[in-house]
Amino acid sequence: MFWEKHQPVSSVPTFPKIPVWIALVFSTIACASAQSTPETLLLEARTAEAKFDVKQALDLYLAADRIQPDNPATLQKIAQQLSDLSLSNPDDAAKKRIAEKALTYALRAAALQPDKAVNALSLAICHGKMGVYSDTRTKIKYSRLVKLEAERALALDPNYDWAHHVLGRWHYEVASLAGATRLFIRFVYGGLPAATLKDAVIHLERAVSLAPNRVPHRLELGFAYLAAGRKDDARTSFTKGLELPSVELYDEPAKERARAALAKL
């Protein structure tokens, strides 16, 4: 190397001066790292969320949690990103691991701030995700918890549109179970809480009235109408939902389900 060929007589080796541009780069990186506060990281995370970049948003929320641990709002956001990330993984075992991790963060957020509706609903959603990857007995346990936490979210905030959405969807999915399935669950596992298509429609209509431009609310209302045999109302609700612009992460997947259902009407 150059400095070896021209090493001075001194026993302590000397190194060439670092070029100015390299020093500037390292200085910029050091300054940027020093300025990474929880506030800036959370702002960047919300920007990544708006761009549907779940992985980047998760990394930024985790970074904020490392700097400022046990912030319930950050923990809830980490749970949300993990829950969303679980759906995009092609491996069922990996999906379950991610969903379990999401539930862990949701539980921490709820423990730190139990009177926050979003934390209760986050638990409901994470319980629902865990139910997908569980055996029948555990599915039933998680189904009960979905209803319990969604109702708790509504008790904390009666005008929380997403809580009405989750509770409405729970009602129509449980109420739509075949009679033989419900009978089996009742005798073997003690049954599920009462669910009705009437309550499904009431909650989803309320969600639409609170947030009329949210695509999933109108489309899920269409499915509730369909389950209740109200085909004309279902067609109208699907059509209105499909006409809305897709602005949230799962608007397009919801539209795909609705298009398939509408085509059969």
C-alpha atoms as a PDB file:
ATOM      1  CA  MET A   1       0.000   0.000   0.000  1.00  0.00           C
ATOM      2  CA  PHE A   2       1.050   3.593  -0.573  1.00  0.00           C
ATOM      3  CA  TRP A   3       1.535   4.485   3.085  1.00  0.00           C
ATOM      4  CA  GLU A   4       3.687   1.344   3.623  1.00  0.00           C
ATOM      5  CA  LYS A   5       6.152   2.369   0.944  1.00  0.00           C
ATOM      6  CA  HIS A   6       6.576   5.851   2.376  1.00  0.00           C
ATOM      7  CA  GLN A   7       6.325   5.064   6.089  1.00  0.00           C
ATOM      8  CA  PRO A   8       8.429   7.507   8.170  1.00  0.00           C
ATOM      9  CA  VAL A   9      11.242   6.396  10.437  1.00  0.00           C
ATOM     10  CA  SER A  10       8.993   6.749  13.505  1.00  0.00           C
ATOM     11  CA  SER A  11       7.807   3.421  14.947  1.00  0.00           C
ATOM     12  CA  VAL A  12       4.216   4.684  14.934  1.00  0.00           C
ATOM     13  CA  PRO A  13       2.717   4.349  11.445  1.00  0.00           C
ATOM     14  CA  THR A  14       0.929   7.323   9.950  1.00  0.00           C
ATOM     15  CA  PHE A  15      -2.147   7.039   7.717  1.00  0.00           C
ATOM     16  CA  PRO A  16      -3.078   9.218   4.771  1.00  0.00           C
ATOM     17  CA  LYS A  17      -5.571  12.005   5.376  1.00  0.00           C
ATOM     18  CA  ILE A  18      -9.188  11.058   4.722  1.00  0.00           C
ATOM     19  CA  PRO A  19     -10.493  12.854   1.637  1.00  0.00           C
ATOM     20  CA  VAL A  20     -12.760  15.772   2.481  1.00  0.00           C
ATOM     21  CA  TRP A  21     -15.799  14.297   0.673  1.00  0.00           C
ATOM     22  CA  ILE A  22     -15.596  11.062   2.706  1.00  0.00           C
ATOM     23  CA  ALA A  23     -15.359  13.030   5.947  1.00  0.00           C
ATOM     24  CA  LEU A  24     -18.426  15.007   4.941  1.00  0.00           C
ATOM     25  CA  VAL A  25     -20.398  11.835   4.212  1.00  0.00           C
ATOM     26  CA  PHE A  26     -19.569  10.338   7.624  1.00  0.00           C
ATOM     27  CA  SER A  27     -20.354  13.647   9.297  1.00  0.00           C
ATOM     28  CA  THR A  28     -23.770  13.757   7.586  1.00  0.00           C
ATOM     29  CA  ILE A  29     -24.571  10.184   8.615  1.00  0.00           C
ATOM     30  CA  ALA A  30     -23.563  10.897  12.208  1.00  0.00           C
ATOM     31  CA  CYS A  31     -25.742  14.024  12.305  1.00  0.00           C
ATOM     32  CA  ALA A  32     -28.696  12.150  10.827  1.00  0.00           C
ATOM     33  CA  SER A  33     -28.354   9.390  13.421  1.00  0.00           C
ATOM     34  CA  ALA A  34     -28.153  11.929  16.234  1.00  0.00           C
ATOM     35  CA  GLN A  35     -31.349  13.577  14.972  1.00  0.00           C
ATOM     36  CA  SER A  36     -33.355  10.307  14.900  1.00  0.00           C
ATOM     37  CA  THR A  37     -35.800  11.124  17.648  1.00  0.00           C
ATOM     38  CA  PRO A  38     -38.988   9.169  18.348  1.00  0.00           C
ATOM     39  CA  GLU A  39     -40.950  12.066  16.872  1.00  0.00           C
ATOM     40  CA  THR A  40     -39.078  12.062  13.555  1.00  0.00           C
ATOM     41  CA  LEU A  41     -39.209   8.258  13.339  1.00  0.00           C
ATOM     42  CA  LEU A  42     -42.963   8.224  13.982  1.00  0.00           C
ATOM     43  CA  LEU A  43     -43.484  10.891  11.326  1.00  0.00           C
ATOM     44  CA  GLU A  44     -41.478   8.844   8.816  1.00  0.00           C
ATOM     45  CA  ALA A  45     -43.399   5.717   9.824  1.00  0.00           C
ATOM     46  CA  ARG A  46     -46.738   7.410   9.162  1.00  0.00           C
ATOM     47  CA  THR A  47     -45.432   8.533   5.762  1.00  0.00           C
ATOM     48  CA  ALA A  48     -44.439   4.941   4.956  1.00  0.00           C
ATOM     49  CA  GLU A  49     -47.907   3.766   6.043  1.00  0.00           C
ATOM     50  CA  ALA A  50     -49.522   6.267   3.679  1.00  0.00           C
ATOM     51  CA  LYS A  51     -47.449   4.719   0.870  1.00  0.00           C
ATOM     52  CA  PHE A  52     -48.565   1.184   1.896  1.00  0.00           C
ATOM     53  CA  ASP A  53     -44.952   0.308   2.720  1.00  0.00           C
ATOM     54  CA  VAL A  54     -45.753  -1.949   5.683  1.00  0.00           C
ATOM     55  CA  LYS A  55     -42.200  -3.279   6.129  1.00  0.00           C
ATOM     56  CA  GLN A  56     -40.617   0.176   6.255  1.00  0.00           C
ATOM     57  CA  ALA A  57     -43.326   1.468   8.586  1.00  0.00           C
ATOM     58  CA  LEU A  58     -42.732  -1.513  10.894  1.00  0.00           C
ATOM     59  CA  ASP A  59     -38.963  -0.942  10.951  1.00  0.00           C
ATOM     60  CA  LEU A  60     -39.453   2.737  11.803  1.00  0.00           C
ATOM     61  CA  TYR A  61     -41.981   2.040  14.561  1.00  0.00           C
ATOM     62  CA  LEU A  62     -39.630  -0.587  16.025  1.00  0.00           C
ATOM     63  CA  ALA A  63     -36.782   1.949  15.931  1.00  0.00           C
ATOM     64  CA  ALA A  64     -38.959   4.476  17.758  1.00  0.00           C
ATOM     65  CA  ASP A  65     -39.821   1.816  20.351  1.00  0.00           C
ATOM     66  CA  ARG A  66     -36.145   1.110  20.962  1.00  0.00           C
ATOM     67  CA  ILE A  67     -35.483   4.791  21.695  1.00  0.00           C
ATOM     68  CA  GLN A  68     -38.676   5.357  23.685  1.00  0.00           C
ATOM     69  CA  PRO A  69     -39.997   1.999  24.902  1.00  0.00           C
ATOM     70  CA  ASP A  70     -43.457   1.323  26.291  1.00  0.00           C
ATOM     71  CA  ASN A  71     -45.256   4.042  24.358  1.00  0.00           C
ATOM     72  CA  PRO A  72     -48.728   2.466  23.927  1.00  0.00           C
ATOM     73  CA  ALA A  73     -49.438   4.319  20.670  1.00  0.00           C
ATOM     74  CA  THR A  74     -46.201   3.013  19.142  1.00  0.00           C
ATOM     75  CA  LEU A  75     -46.859  -0.514  20.409  1.00  0.00           C
ATOM     76  CA  GLN A  76     -50.336  -0.484  18.850  1.00  0.00           C
ATOM     77  CA  LYS A  77     -48.872   0.654  15.542  1.00  0.00           C
ATOM     78  CA  ILE A  78     -46.289  -2.133  15.641  1.00  0.00           C
ATOM     79  CA  ALA A  79     -49.106  -4.621  16.251  1.00  0.00           C
ATOM     80  CA  GLN A  80     -51.000  -3.183  13.276  1.00  0.00           C
ATOM     81  CA  GLN A  81     -48.027  -3.424  10.905  1.00  0.00           C
ATOM     82  CA  LEU A  82     -47.269  -6.986  11.996  1.00  0.00           C
ATOM     83  CA  SER A  83     -50.921  -7.945  11.557  1.00  0.00           C
ATOM     84  CA  ASP A  84     -50.885  -6.497   8.035  1.00  0.00           C
ATOM     85  CA  LEU A  85     -47.530  -8.118   7.269  1.00  0.00           C
ATOM     86  CA  SER A  86     -48.820 -11.550   8.260  1.00  0.00           C
ATOM     87  CA  LEU A  87     -51.283 -11.518   5.365  1.00  0.00           C
ATOM     88  CA  SER A  88     -48.605 -10.986   2.728  1.00  0.00           C
ATOM     89  CA  ASN A  89     -46.439 -13.915   3.826  1.00  0.00           C
ATOM     90  CA  PRO A  90     -47.000 -17.028   1.654  1.00  0.00           C
ATOM     91  CA  ASP A  91     -46.090 -19.481   4.434  1.00  0.00           C
ATOM     92  CA  ASP A  92     -48.832 -20.346   6.946  1.00  0.00           C
ATOM     93  CA  ALA A  93     -46.385 -21.138   9.736  1.00  0.00           C
ATOM     94  CA  ALA A  94     -44.698 -17.770   9.239  1.00  0.00           C
ATOM     95  CA  LYS A  95     -48.093 -16.042   9.170  1.00  0.00           C
ATOM     96  CA  LYS A  96     -48.938 -17.570  12.538  1.00  0.00           C
ATOM     97  CA  ARG A  97     -45.609 -16.508  14.067  1.00  0.00           C
ATOM     98  CA  ILE A  98     -46.092 -12.943  12.867  1.00  0.00           C
ATOM     99  CA  ALA A  99     -49.697 -12.898  14.092  1.00  0.00           C
ATOM    100  CA  GLU A 100     -48.543 -14.132  17.510  1.00  0.00           C
ATOM    101  CA  LYS A 101     -45.990 -11.337  17.656  1.00  0.00           C
ATOM    102  CA  ALA A 102     -48.666  -8.809  16.668  1.00  0.00           C
ATOM    103  CA  LEU A 103     -50.882 -10.040  19.503  1.00  0.00           C
ATOM    104  CA  THR A 104     -47.990  -9.650  21.967  1.00  0.00           C
ATOM    105  CA  TYR A 105     -47.584  -5.975  21.049  1.00  0.00           C
ATOM    106  CA  ALA A 106     -51.355  -5.395  21.096  1.00  0.00           C
ATOM    107  CA  LEU A 107     -51.557  -6.879  24.599  1.00  0.00           C
ATOM    108  CA  ARG A 108     -48.737  -4.614  25.781  1.00  0.00           C
ATOM    109  CA  ALA A 109     -50.445  -1.531  24.355  1.00  0.00           C
ATOM    110  CA  ALA A 110     -53.765  -2.448  25.963  1.00  0.00           C
ATOM    111  CA  ALA A 111     -52.121  -3.143  29.318  1.00  0.00           C
ATOM    112  CA  LEU A 112     -50.455   0.289  29.308  1.00  0.00           C
ATOM    113  CA  GLN A 113     -53.525   2.153  28.051  1.00  0.00           C
ATOM    114  CA  PRO A 114     -56.650   0.034  28.636  1.00  0.00           C
ATOM    115  CA  ASP A 115     -59.069   2.945  28.241  1.00  0.00           C
ATOM    116  CA  LYS A 116     -58.113   3.604  24.598  1.00  0.00           C
ATOM    117  CA  ALA A 117     -60.631   2.264  22.061  1.00  0.00           C
ATOM    118  CA  VAL A 118     -58.021   1.675  19.364  1.00  0.00           C
ATOM    119  CA  ASN A 119     -56.079  -0.629  21.704  1.00  0.00           C
ATOM    120  CA  ALA A 120     -59.185  -2.688  22.456  1.00  0.00           C
ATOM    121  CA  LEU A 121     -59.965  -2.994  18.746  1.00  0.00           C
ATOM    122  CA  SER A 122     -56.355  -3.893  17.989  1.00  0.00           C
ATOM    123  CA  LEU A 123     -56.760  -6.817  20.381  1.00  0.00           C
ATOM    124  CA  ALA A 124     -59.996  -7.839  18.654  1.00  0.00           C
ATOM    125  CA  ILE A 125     -58.312  -7.855  15.246  1.00  0.00           C
ATOM    126  CA  CYS A 126     -55.227  -9.721  16.479  1.00  0.00           C
ATOM    127  CA  HIS A 127     -57.413 -12.333  18.178  1.00  0.00           C
ATOM    128  CA  GLY A 128     -59.252 -12.756  14.879  1.00  0.00           C
ATOM    129  CA  LYS A 129     -55.996 -13.267  13.004  1.00  0.00           C
ATOM    130  CA  MET A 130     -54.860 -15.865  15.521  1.00  0.00           C
ATOM    131  CA  GLY A 131     -58.158 -17.710  15.113  1.00  0.00           C
ATOM    132  CA  VAL A 132     -57.419 -18.250  11.430  1.00  0.00           C
ATOM    133  CA  TYR A 133     -54.345 -20.363  12.257  1.00  0.00           C
ATOM    134  CA  SER A 134     -55.820 -22.298  15.205  1.00  0.00           C
ATOM    135  CA  ASP A 135     -57.666 -25.555  15.815  1.00  0.00           C
ATOM    136  CA  THR A 136     -61.442 -25.502  16.300  1.00  0.00           C
ATOM    137  CA  ARG A 137     -61.402 -25.151  20.086  1.00  0.00           C
ATOM    138  CA  THR A 138     -58.940 -22.243  19.904  1.00  0.00           C
ATOM    139  CA  LYS A 139     -60.823 -20.624  17.029  1.00  0.00           C
ATOM    140  CA  ILE A 140     -63.917 -20.500  19.231  1.00  0.00           C
ATOM    141  CA  LYS A 141     -61.938 -18.982  22.109  1.00  0.00           C
ATOM    142  CA  TYR A 142     -60.533 -16.274  19.844  1.00  0.00           C
ATOM    143  CA  SER A 143     -63.948 -15.649  18.273  1.00  0.00           C
ATOM    144  CA  ARG A 144     -65.382 -14.886  21.716  1.00  0.00           C
ATOM    145  CA  LEU A 145     -62.474 -12.509  22.386  1.00  0.00           C
ATOM    146  CA  VAL A 146     -63.048 -10.695  19.072  1.00  0.00           C
ATOM    147  CA  LYS A 147     -66.610  -9.899  20.113  1.00  0.00           C
ATOM    148  CA  LEU A 148     -65.604  -8.995  23.662  1.00  0.00           C
ATOM    149  CA  GLU A 149     -62.853  -6.562  22.630  1.00  0.00           C
ATOM    150  CA  ALA A 150     -64.880  -5.002  19.795  1.00  0.00           C
ATOM    151  CA  GLU A 151     -67.718  -4.353  22.240  1.00  0.00           C
ATOM    152  CA  ARG A 152     -65.240  -2.899  24.722  1.00  0.00           C
ATOM    153  CA  ALA A 153     -63.910  -0.583  22.010  1.00  0.00           C
ATOM    154  CA  LEU A 154     -67.468   0.624  21.349  1.00  0.00           C
ATOM    155  CA  ALA A 155     -68.081   1.140  25.069  1.00  0.00           C
ATOM    156  CA  LEU A 156     -65.001   3.391  25.107  1.00  0.00           C
ATOM    157  CA  ASP A 157     -65.975   5.181  21.881  1.00  0.00           C
ATOM    158  CA  PRO A 158     -69.537   4.603  20.589  1.00  0.00           C
ATOM    159  CA  ASN A 159     -68.704   6.455  17.356  1.00  0.00           C
ATOM    160  CA  TYR A 160     -65.671   4.356  16.434  1.00  0.00           C
ATOM    161  CA  ASP A 161     -66.520   3.301  12.889  1.00  0.00           C
ATOM    162  CA  TRP A 162     -63.956   0.477  12.717  1.00  0.00           C
ATOM    163  CA  ALA A 163     -65.294  -1.053  15.938  1.00  0.00           C
ATOM    164  CA  HIS A 164     -68.786  -1.125  14.390  1.00  0.00           C
ATOM    165  CA  HIS A 165     -67.228  -2.669  11.274  1.00  0.00           C
ATOM    166  CA  VAL A 166     -65.468  -5.479  13.168  1.00  0.00           C
ATOM    167  CA  LEU A 167     -68.499  -6.227  15.340  1.00  0.00           C
ATOM    168  CA  GLY A 168     -70.835  -6.191  12.336  1.00  0.00           C
ATOM    169  CA  ARG A 169     -68.597  -8.558  10.419  1.00  0.00           C
ATOM    170  CA  TRP A 170     -68.357 -10.854  13.464  1.00  0.00           C
ATOM    171  CA  HIS A 171     -72.166 -11.009  13.668  1.00  0.00           C
ATOM    172  CA  TYR A 172     -72.753 -11.936  10.029  1.00  0.00           C
ATOM    173  CA  GLU A 173     -69.933 -14.474   9.889  1.00  0.00           C
ATOM    174  CA  VAL A 174     -71.071 -16.265  13.045  1.00  0.00           C
ATOM    175  CA  ALA A 175     -74.784 -15.951  12.193  1.00  0.00           C
ATOM    176  CA  SER A 176     -74.050 -17.399   8.732  1.00  0.00           C
ATOM    177  CA  LEU A 177     -72.587 -20.634  10.122  1.00  0.00           C
ATOM    178  CA  ALA A 178     -74.534 -23.688   9.041  1.00  0.00           C
ATOM    179  CA  GLY A 179     -76.983 -25.047  11.592  1.00  0.00           C
ATOM    180  CA  ALA A 180     -75.102 -28.332  11.921  1.00  0.00           C
ATOM    181  CA  THR A 181     -71.864 -26.456  12.581  1.00  0.00           C
ATOM    182  CA  ARG A 182     -73.464 -24.302  15.280  1.00  0.00           C
ATOM    183  CA  LEU A 183     -74.975 -27.402  16.884  1.00  0.00           C
ATOM    184  CA  PHE A 184     -71.616 -29.165  16.878  1.00  0.00           C
ATOM    185  CA  ILE A 185     -69.898 -26.126  18.436  1.00  0.00           C
ATOM    186  CA  ARG A 186     -72.600 -25.866  21.091  1.00  0.00           C
ATOM    187  CA  PHE A 187     -72.401 -29.504  22.188  1.00  0.00           C
ATOM    188  CA  VAL A 188     -68.650 -29.986  21.919  1.00  0.00           C
ATOM    189  CA  TYR A 189     -67.264 -26.562  22.817  1.00  0.00           C
ATOM    190  CA  GLY A 190     -70.063 -24.813  24.680  1.00  0.00           C
ATOM    191  CA  GLY A 191     -71.231 -22.665  21.795  1.00  0.00           C
ATOM    192  CA  LEU A 192     -70.564 -19.108  20.694  1.00  0.00           C
ATOM    193  CA  PRO A 193     -72.205 -15.875  21.858  1.00  0.00           C
ATOM    194  CA  ALA A 194     -75.482 -15.061  20.140  1.00  0.00           C
ATOM    195  CA  ALA A 195     -75.075 -13.503  16.706  1.00  0.00           C
ATOM    196  CA  THR A 196     -77.729 -12.144  14.334  1.00  0.00           C
ATOM    197  CA  LEU A 197     -77.771 -10.820  10.800  1.00  0.00           C
ATOM    198  CA  LYS A 198     -79.935  -7.957  12.069  1.00  0.00           C
ATOM    199  CA  ASP A 199     -77.136  -6.831  14.399  1.00  0.00           C
ATOM    200  CA  ALA A 200     -74.613  -7.286  11.588  1.00  0.00           C
ATOM    201  CA  VAL A 201     -76.556  -4.889   9.378  1.00  0.00           C
ATOM    202  CA  ILE A 202     -77.093  -2.390  12.217  1.00  0.00           C
ATOM    203  CA  HIS A 203     -73.378  -2.176  13.033  1.00  0.00           C
ATOM    204  CA  LEU A 204     -72.214  -2.000   9.425  1.00  0.00           C
ATOM    205  CA  GLU A 205     -74.826   0.608   8.527  1.00  0.00           C
ATOM    206  CA  ARG A 206     -73.567   2.613  11.496  1.00  0.00           C
ATOM    207  CA  ALA A 207     -69.976   2.264  10.263  1.00  0.00           C
ATOM    208  CA  VAL A 208     -71.048   3.582   6.842  1.00  0.00           C
ATOM    209  CA  SER A 209     -72.906   6.513   8.390  1.00  0.00           C
ATOM    210  CA  LEU A 210     -69.828   7.440  10.454  1.00  0.00           C
ATOM    211  CA  ALA A 211     -67.336   7.093   7.579  1.00  0.00           C
ATOM    212  CA  PRO A 212     -69.260   6.960   4.271  1.00  0.00           C
ATOM    213  CA  ASN A 213     -66.130   7.121   2.095  1.00  0.00           C
ATOM    214  CA  ARG A 214     -64.397   4.102   3.597  1.00  0.00           C
ATOM    215  CA  VAL A 215     -64.463   1.328   1.030  1.00  0.00           C
ATOM    216  CA  PRO A 216     -64.483  -1.674   3.420  1.00  0.00           C
ATOM    217  CA  HIS A 217     -67.516  -0.405   5.352  1.00  0.00           C
ATOM    218  CA  ARG A 218     -69.777  -0.281   2.296  1.00  0.00           C
ATOM    219  CA  LEU A 219     -68.510  -3.574   0.901  1.00  0.00           C
ATOM    220  CA  GLU A 220     -68.876  -5.489   4.158  1.00  0.00           C
ATOM    221  CA  LEU A 221     -72.367  -4.036   4.516  1.00  0.00           C
ATOM    222  CA  GLY A 222     -73.059  -5.542   1.089  1.00  0.00           C
ATOM    223  CA  PHE A 223     -71.992  -8.969   2.374  1.00  0.00           C
ATOM    224  CA  ALA A 224     -74.200  -8.574   5.445  1.00  0.00           C
ATOM    225  CA  TYR A 225     -77.164  -7.664   3.232  1.00  0.00           C
ATOM    226  CA  LEU A 226     -76.376 -10.663   1.044  1.00  0.00           C
ATOM    227  CA  ALA A 227     -76.287 -12.994   4.046  1.00  0.00           C
ATOM    228  CA  ALA A 228     -79.646 -11.576   5.134  1.00  0.00           C
ATOM    229  CA  GLY A 229     -81.155 -12.274   1.702  1.00  0.00           C
ATOM    230  CA  ARG A 230     -81.420  -8.572   0.786  1.00  0.00           C
ATOM    231  CA  LYS A 231     -79.938  -8.914  -2.704  1.00  0.00           C
ATOM    232  CA  ASP A 232     -81.011  -5.512  -4.052  1.00  0.00           C
ATOM    233  CA  ASP A 233     -79.510  -3.740  -1.033  1.00  0.00           C
ATOM    234  CA  ALA A 234     -76.360  -5.844  -1.401  1.00  0.00           C
ATOM    235  CA  ARG A 235     -76.046  -4.896  -5.065  1.00  0.00           C
ATOM    236  CA  THR A 236     -76.446  -1.194  -4.236  1.00  0.00           C
ATOM    237  CA  SER A 237     -73.906  -1.339  -1.410  1.00  0.00           C
ATOM    238  CA  PHE A 238     -71.349  -3.230  -3.525  1.00  0.00           C
ATOM    239  CA  THR A 239     -71.777  -0.770  -6.396  1.00  0.00           C
ATOM    240  CA  LYS A 240     -71.317   2.283  -4.179  1.00  0.00           C
ATOM    241  CA  GLY A 241     -68.281   0.769  -2.510  1.00  0.00           C
ATOM    242  CA  LEU A 242     -66.664  -0.124  -5.819  1.00  0.00           C
ATOM    243  CA  GLU A 243     -67.168   3.435  -7.052  1.00  0.00           C
ATOM    244  CA  LEU A 244     -65.151   4.867  -4.160  1.00  0.00           C
ATOM    245  CA  PRO A 245     -61.415   5.482  -4.705  1.00  0.00           C
ATOM    246  CA  SER A 246     -59.020   3.019  -3.112  1.00  0.00           C
ATOM    247  CA  VAL A 247     -57.043   4.955  -0.505  1.00  0.00           C
ATOM    248  CA  GLU A 248     -56.222   2.389   2.192  1.00  0.00           C
ATOM    249  CA  LEU A 249     -54.047  -0.713   2.202  1.00  0.00           C
ATOM    250  CA  TYR A 250     -56.764  -3.347   1.823  1.00  0.00           C
ATOM    251  CA  ASP A 251     -59.292  -1.427  -0.260  1.00  0.00           C
ATOM    252  CA  GLU A 252     -58.384  -3.261  -3.457  1.00  0.00           C
ATOM    253  CA  PRO A 253     -58.512  -6.785  -1.951  1.00  0.00           C
ATOM    254  CA  ALA A 254     -61.921  -5.887  -0.479  1.00  0.00           C
ATOM    255  CA  LYS A 255     -63.054  -4.748  -3.920  1.00  0.00           C
ATOM    256  CA  GLU A 256     -61.939  -8.048  -5.470  1.00  0.00           C
ATOM    257  CA  ARG A 257     -64.174  -9.968  -3.059  1.00  0.00           C
ATOM    258  CA  ALA A 258     -67.085  -7.623  -3.747  1.00  0.00           C
ATOM    259  CA  ARG A 259     -66.697  -7.858  -7.540  1.00  0.00           C
ATOM    260  CA  ALA A 260     -66.805 -11.651  -7.331  1.00  0.00           C
ATOM    261  CA  ALA A 261     -69.953 -11.526  -5.170  1.00  0.00           C
ATOM    262  CA  LEU A 262     -71.596  -8.911  -7.402  1.00  0.00           C
ATOM    263  CA  ALA A 263     -70.954 -10.998 -10.494  1.00  0.00           C
ATOM    264  CA  LYS A 264     -72.989 -13.840  -8.970  1.00  0.00           C
ATOM    265  CA  LEU A 265     -76.013 -11.641  -8.201  1.00  0.00           C
END
